[in-house]
Protein backbone atom coordinates (compact mmCIF):
# COMPACT_ATOMS: atom_id res chain seq x y z
CA MET A 1 3.57 17.45 -18.98
CA SER A 2 5.69 14.08 -18.44
CA GLY A 3 3.36 12.83 -15.56
CA LEU A 4 1.58 13.33 -12.46
CA ARG A 5 2.59 13.00 -9.25
CA HIS A 6 -0.32 11.86 -6.34
CA VAL A 7 1.34 12.58 -2.50
CA ALA A 8 -0.86 11.46 0.61
CA MET A 9 0.23 11.70 4.17
CA PHE A 10 -1.50 10.64 7.09
CA ILE A 11 -1.64 11.10 10.81
CA TRP A 12 -2.41 7.68 12.48
CA ALA A 13 -4.98 7.23 15.14
CA GLU A 14 -4.35 7.65 18.78
CA GLY A 15 -3.47 3.92 19.49
CA THR A 16 -2.89 2.35 16.49
CA THR A 17 -0.01 -0.22 16.88
CA THR A 18 2.72 -0.78 14.61
CA GLY A 19 1.80 -3.83 13.28
CA GLN A 20 -1.46 -1.76 12.01
CA GLN A 21 0.93 0.62 10.47
CA GLU A 22 3.39 -1.85 8.77
CA GLU A 23 0.27 -4.27 7.12
CA VAL A 24 -1.03 -0.90 6.16
CA ALA A 25 2.58 -0.49 4.05
CA ALA A 26 3.04 -3.66 3.08
CA ARG A 27 -1.17 -3.40 1.72
CA LEU A 28 0.06 0.19 -0.54
CA GLY A 29 3.51 -2.02 -1.57
CA GLU A 30 1.14 -4.35 -3.10
CA LEU A 31 -0.45 -2.22 -5.62
CA PRO A 32 2.60 -1.74 -8.43
CA ARG A 33 2.24 -5.34 -8.84
CA ILE A 34 -1.74 -5.06 -9.54
CA ILE A 35 -2.49 -1.83 -10.94
CA PRO A 36 -0.52 -1.53 -14.37
CA GLN A 37 -1.15 2.48 -14.28
CA ILE A 38 1.50 3.13 -11.78
CA ARG A 39 5.00 4.13 -12.94
CA GLU A 40 6.90 4.89 -9.34
CA TYR A 41 5.72 4.21 -6.19
CA SER A 42 7.29 4.57 -2.58
CA VAL A 43 5.43 4.53 0.94
CA GLY A 44 7.42 5.29 4.12
CA ALA A 45 7.13 6.59 7.78
CA ASP A 46 8.00 9.67 9.14
CA ALA A 47 12.25 9.47 9.98
CA GLY A 48 10.91 11.27 13.48
CA ILE A 49 13.75 14.46 12.62
CA ASN A 50 10.54 16.57 12.83
CA PRO A 51 8.27 17.07 15.74
CA SER A 52 5.12 18.53 13.59
CA SER A 53 5.68 15.84 10.36
CA TYR A 54 2.56 13.33 9.54
CA ASP A 55 3.42 9.61 9.91
CA PHE A 56 3.53 8.31 7.11
CA VAL A 57 3.62 8.98 3.24
CA LEU A 58 2.63 7.19 -0.05
CA VAL A 59 4.33 8.99 -3.54
CA ALA A 60 3.22 7.64 -6.20
CA ASP A 61 3.65 8.83 -10.26
CA PHE A 62 1.64 8.17 -13.41
CA ALA A 63 2.05 8.83 -16.66
CA ASP A 64 -1.27 11.25 -16.60
CA ARG A 65 -4.43 12.09 -15.00
CA ASP A 66 -6.51 8.97 -16.50
CA ASP A 67 -3.98 6.70 -14.72
CA TYR A 68 -3.92 8.13 -11.70
CA LEU A 69 -7.77 7.84 -11.75
CA ALA A 70 -7.26 4.38 -13.01
CA TYR A 71 -5.48 4.14 -9.71
CA ARG A 72 -7.47 6.18 -7.39
CA ASP A 73 -10.66 4.19 -8.30
CA HIS A 74 -8.96 0.72 -9.30
CA PRO A 75 -10.95 -1.92 -6.52
CA ALA A 76 -7.55 -3.13 -5.39
CA HIS A 77 -6.72 0.00 -4.34
CA ARG A 78 -10.22 0.91 -3.05
CA GLU A 79 -9.98 -2.36 -0.64
CA VAL A 80 -6.74 -1.00 1.13
CA VAL A 81 -8.00 2.33 1.95
CA ASP A 82 -11.16 0.91 3.22
CA ARG A 83 -10.00 -2.12 5.17
CA PHE A 84 -6.46 -0.83 6.13
CA VAL A 85 -5.77 2.40 6.17
CA THR A 86 -9.32 4.51 6.56
CA PRO A 87 -9.89 2.95 10.27
CA ILE A 88 -6.71 4.14 11.69
CA VAL A 89 -6.35 7.42 10.01
CA ALA A 90 -6.80 10.61 11.92
CA SER A 91 -5.85 13.08 9.50
CA ARG A 92 -4.85 12.87 5.55
CA ALA A 93 -3.40 15.53 3.16
CA ALA A 94 -3.38 14.82 -0.17
CA ILE A 95 -2.25 16.48 -3.79
CA GLN A 96 -1.91 15.80 -6.75
CA TYR A 97 0.57 17.72 -9.68
CA GLU A 98 2.04 17.83 -12.65
CA LEU A 99 5.73 16.89 -13.46
C-alpha cells in the first residue's frame, strides 16, 4: 500500500448560501496547515457539467489508515465539520480506499 485516499461528497441543503459554501471551502482548506498527517488535500465545487452530481467534494491522501484516523478525529477537523459542514449538508457520501 502506498497510501490511503479519503473522498467525501456533499449535496448542500436547500437555502444554503454561496457565502456558507465558500466558508466551508475556506475552513477545510486550512486543515493541511493544522493537521500534519495530511499528505495531499483538495476541495472544490461541482463544475456543473452533469445534472445529477454532488455539489462539493473533498479528496485527501494519507500515508496510512492511522494517519487518516488522526485526521478524522482531530479537533480542528471535528470543529469544521460540526460548525460549518453539518448545518448545511442535505446528503453526504464518502469512501476511503488504498492507493
